[in-house]
C-alpha atoms as a PDB file:
ATOM      1  CA  GLN A   1     -51.286 -69.591-121.276  1.00  0.00           C
ATOM      2  CA  GLY A   2     -48.275 -71.188-119.693  1.00  0.00           C
ATOM      3  CA  LEU A   3     -48.203 -74.915-119.294  1.00  0.00           C
ATOM      4  CA  LEU A   4     -46.030 -77.266-117.253  1.00  0.00           C
ATOM      5  CA  VAL A   5     -46.413 -80.974-117.898  1.00  0.00           C
ATOM      6  CA  GLU A   6     -44.955 -83.467-115.449  1.00  0.00           C
ATOM      7  CA  SER A   7     -44.230 -87.137-115.950  1.00  0.00           C
ATOM      8  CA  GLY A   8     -42.482 -89.986-114.178  1.00  0.00           C
ATOM      9  CA  GLY A   9     -44.408 -90.521-110.961  1.00  0.00           C
ATOM     10  CA  GLY A  10     -45.515 -93.918-109.736  1.00  0.00           C
ATOM     11  CA  LEU A  11     -45.256 -96.584-107.080  1.00  0.00           C
ATOM     12  CA  VAL A  12     -41.829 -97.641-105.820  1.00  0.00           C
ATOM     13  CA  GLN A  13     -40.544 -99.687-102.913  1.00  0.00           C
ATOM     14  CA  PRO A  14     -38.513 -98.079-100.114  1.00  0.00           C
ATOM     15  CA  GLY A  15     -34.928 -97.675-101.232  1.00  0.00           C
ATOM     16  CA  GLY A  16     -35.955 -97.452-104.874  1.00  0.00           C
ATOM     17  CA  SER A  17     -35.495 -94.704-107.429  1.00  0.00           C
ATOM     18  CA  LEU A  18     -37.688 -92.577-109.662  1.00  0.00           C
ATOM     19  CA  ARG A  19     -37.089 -89.766-112.113  1.00  0.00           C
ATOM     20  CA  LEU A  20     -39.564 -86.928-112.547  1.00  0.00           C
ATOM     21  CA  SER A  21     -39.536 -84.711-115.620  1.00  0.00           C
ATOM     22  CA  CYS A  22     -41.275 -81.462-116.419  1.00  0.00           C
ATOM     23  CA  ALA A  23     -41.538 -79.530-119.664  1.00  0.00           C
ATOM     24  CA  ALA A  24     -42.672 -75.924-119.952  1.00  0.00           C
ATOM     25  CA  SER A  25     -44.490 -74.538-122.945  1.00  0.00           C
ATOM     26  CA  GLN A  26     -46.303 -71.339-123.931  1.00  0.00           C
ATOM     27  CA  ILE A  27     -44.610 -69.307-121.185  1.00  0.00           C
ATOM     28  CA  PRO A  28     -43.817 -65.969-122.835  1.00  0.00           C
ATOM     29  CA  PHE A  29     -41.290 -64.862-120.201  1.00  0.00           C
ATOM     30  CA  VAL A  30     -37.770 -65.730-119.145  1.00  0.00           C
ATOM     31  CA  ILE A  31     -37.857 -68.424-116.486  1.00  0.00           C
ATOM     32  CA  ASN A  32     -35.600 -67.485-113.578  1.00  0.00           C
ATOM     33  CA  THR A  33     -35.989 -70.592-111.476  1.00  0.00           C
ATOM     34  CA  MET A  34     -37.509 -74.009-111.957  1.00  0.00           C
ATOM     35  CA  GLY A  35     -38.184 -76.432-109.196  1.00  0.00           C
ATOM     36  CA  TRP A  36     -40.185 -79.155-107.536  1.00  0.00           C
ATOM     37  CA  TYR A  37     -42.548 -78.944-104.602  1.00  0.00           C
ATOM     38  CA  ARG A  38     -44.591 -81.682-102.963  1.00  0.00           C
ATOM     39  CA  GLN A  39     -47.733 -82.001-100.912  1.00  0.00           C
ATOM     40  CA  ALA A  40     -48.558 -84.989 -98.752  1.00  0.00           C
ATOM     41  CA  PRO A  41     -52.113 -85.664 -97.543  1.00  0.00           C
ATOM     42  CA  GLY A  42     -53.050 -83.313 -94.734  1.00  0.00           C
ATOM     43  CA  LYS A  43     -49.870 -81.269 -95.084  1.00  0.00           C
ATOM     44  CA  GLN A  44     -48.893 -77.998 -96.709  1.00  0.00           C
ATOM     45  CA  ARG A  45     -47.038 -77.876 -99.992  1.00  0.00           C
ATOM     46  CA  GLU A  46     -43.301 -77.785 -99.352  1.00  0.00           C
ATOM     47  CA  LEU A  47     -40.187 -77.068-101.363  1.00  0.00           C
ATOM     48  CA  VAL A  48     -38.214 -80.090-102.518  1.00  0.00           C
ATOM     49  CA  ALA A  49     -35.584 -78.565-104.788  1.00  0.00           C
ATOM     50  CA  THR A  50     -35.065 -75.569-107.047  1.00  0.00           C
ATOM     51  CA  ILE A  51     -32.437 -74.618-109.577  1.00  0.00           C
ATOM     52  CA  THR A  52     -31.418 -71.125-110.690  1.00  0.00           C
ATOM     53  CA  SER A  53     -28.767 -70.536-113.346  1.00  0.00           C
ATOM     54  CA  GLY A  54     -27.486 -74.046-112.768  1.00  0.00           C
ATOM     55  CA  SER A  55     -27.258 -73.680-108.983  1.00  0.00           C
ATOM     56  CA  PRO A  56     -29.397 -76.161-107.064  1.00  0.00           C
ATOM     57  CA  ASN A  57     -31.085 -75.735-103.728  1.00  0.00           C
ATOM     58  CA  TYR A  58     -32.466 -78.664-101.738  1.00  0.00           C
ATOM     59  CA  SER A  59     -34.580 -79.115 -98.672  1.00  0.00           C
ATOM     60  CA  GLU A  60     -32.742 -80.812 -95.838  1.00  0.00           C
ATOM     61  CA  SER A  61     -35.033 -83.828 -96.041  1.00  0.00           C
ATOM     62  CA  VAL A  62     -33.900 -84.737 -99.574  1.00  0.00           C
ATOM     63  CA  LYS A  63     -30.325 -83.440 -99.643  1.00  0.00           C
ATOM     64  CA  GLY A  64     -27.966 -86.202-100.711  1.00  0.00           C
ATOM     65  CA  ARG A  65     -30.782 -88.350-102.130  1.00  0.00           C
ATOM     66  CA  PHE A  66     -32.335 -86.165-104.836  1.00  0.00           C
ATOM     67  CA  THR A  67     -30.668 -84.397-107.768  1.00  0.00           C
ATOM     68  CA  ILE A  68     -32.284 -81.589-109.741  1.00  0.00           C
ATOM     69  CA  SER A  69     -31.206 -80.583-113.227  1.00  0.00           C
ATOM     70  CA  SER A  70     -32.568 -78.235-115.851  1.00  0.00           C
ATOM     71  CA  ASP A  71     -32.226 -77.017-119.404  1.00  0.00           C
ATOM     72  CA  ASN A  72     -33.324 -73.385-119.504  1.00  0.00           C
ATOM     73  CA  VAL A  73     -33.200 -73.255-123.286  1.00  0.00           C
ATOM     74  CA  LYS A  74     -35.613 -76.159-123.594  1.00  0.00           C
ATOM     75  CA  GLY A  75     -37.587 -75.168-120.501  1.00  0.00           C
ATOM     76  CA  THR A  76     -37.245 -78.554-118.831  1.00  0.00           C
ATOM     77  CA  VAL A  77     -36.448 -79.623-115.297  1.00  0.00           C
ATOM     78  CA  SER A  78     -35.887 -83.099-113.903  1.00  0.00           C
ATOM     79  CA  LEU A  79     -35.678 -84.577-110.430  1.00  0.00           C
ATOM     80  CA  GLN A  80     -33.752 -87.809-109.941  1.00  0.00           C
ATOM     81  CA  MET A  81     -34.770 -89.419-106.679  1.00  0.00           C
ATOM     82  CA  TYR A  82     -32.716 -92.130-104.999  1.00  0.00           C
ATOM     83  CA  ASN A  83     -33.163 -94.080-101.766  1.00  0.00           C
ATOM     84  CA  LEU A  84     -36.829 -93.162-101.581  1.00  0.00           C
ATOM     85  CA  LYS A  85     -38.538 -93.349 -98.220  1.00  0.00           C
ATOM     86  CA  PRO A  86     -42.221 -93.741 -97.288  1.00  0.00           C
ATOM     87  CA  GLU A  87     -42.195 -90.124 -96.082  1.00  0.00           C
ATOM     88  CA  ASP A  88     -41.417 -89.026 -99.653  1.00  0.00           C
ATOM     89  CA  THR A  89     -44.928 -90.098-100.627  1.00  0.00           C
ATOM     90  CA  ALA A  90     -46.731 -87.040-101.990  1.00  0.00           C
ATOM     91  CA  VAL A  91     -48.007 -85.306-105.082  1.00  0.00           C
ATOM     92  CA  TYR A  92     -45.023 -83.615-106.711  1.00  0.00           C
ATOM     93  CA  TYR A  93     -45.538 -80.317-108.530  1.00  0.00           C
ATOM     94  CA  CYS A  94     -43.287 -78.652-111.061  1.00  0.00           C
ATOM     95  CA  ASN A  95     -42.845 -74.890-110.713  1.00  0.00           C
ATOM     96  CA  ALA A  96     -41.512 -72.159-112.985  1.00  0.00           C
ATOM     97  CA  ASP A  97     -40.759 -68.752-111.475  1.00  0.00           C
ATOM     98  CA  VAL A  98     -40.623 -65.826-113.922  1.00  0.00           C
ATOM     99  CA  GLY A  99     -40.145 -63.209-111.213  1.00  0.00           C
ATOM    100  CA  PHE A 100     -43.568 -61.651-110.903  1.00  0.00           C
ATOM    101  CA  THR A 101     -45.589 -64.849-111.062  1.00  0.00           C
ATOM    102  CA  ASN A 102     -45.312 -68.615-110.824  1.00  0.00           C
ATOM    103  CA  TYR A 103     -46.545 -71.384-113.055  1.00  0.00           C
ATOM    104  CA  TRP A 104     -47.501 -74.789-111.689  1.00  0.00           C
ATOM    105  CA  GLY A 105     -47.928 -78.209-113.187  1.00  0.00           C
ATOM    106  CA  GLN A 106     -50.893 -80.439-112.471  1.00  0.00           C
ATOM    107  CA  GLY A 107     -48.906 -82.697-110.164  1.00  0.00           C
ATOM    108  CA  THR A 108     -47.713 -86.282-110.342  1.00  0.00           C
ATOM    109  CA  GLN A 109     -48.195 -88.857-107.598  1.00  0.00           C
ATOM    110  CA  VAL A 110     -45.178 -90.531-106.014  1.00  0.00           C
ATOM    111  CA  THR A 111     -45.947 -93.385-103.638  1.00  0.00           C
ATOM    112  CA  VAL A 112     -43.216 -95.160-101.690  1.00  0.00           C
ATOM    113  CA  SER A 113     -44.520 -98.342-100.169  1.00  0.00           C
ATOM    114  CA  SER A 114     -43.678-101.992 -99.798  1.00  0.00           C
END
């Protein structure tokens, strides 16, 4: 039970934009926080951005370039990414925090390369 489905990844040139979307289904609990994490090859998974009751939180590396938004009623979260850099290349994972556990999506690849 509990499913998060991501979409919107792909290949983009440096300076380009992408929008990631995530939809939650079959989660029988109230979702407190939704967010995005990423994992680059050889690195640990790191927080990109989260949103709780409409209040966003960003990592320093993406602040000013990425915008997170959500619809708690629909159980969706999106990440609009601008001015992408090669160091943003990673698998991006959607996350839903219901307080006592977390749900994760399967991940979507974002590659920033010329």
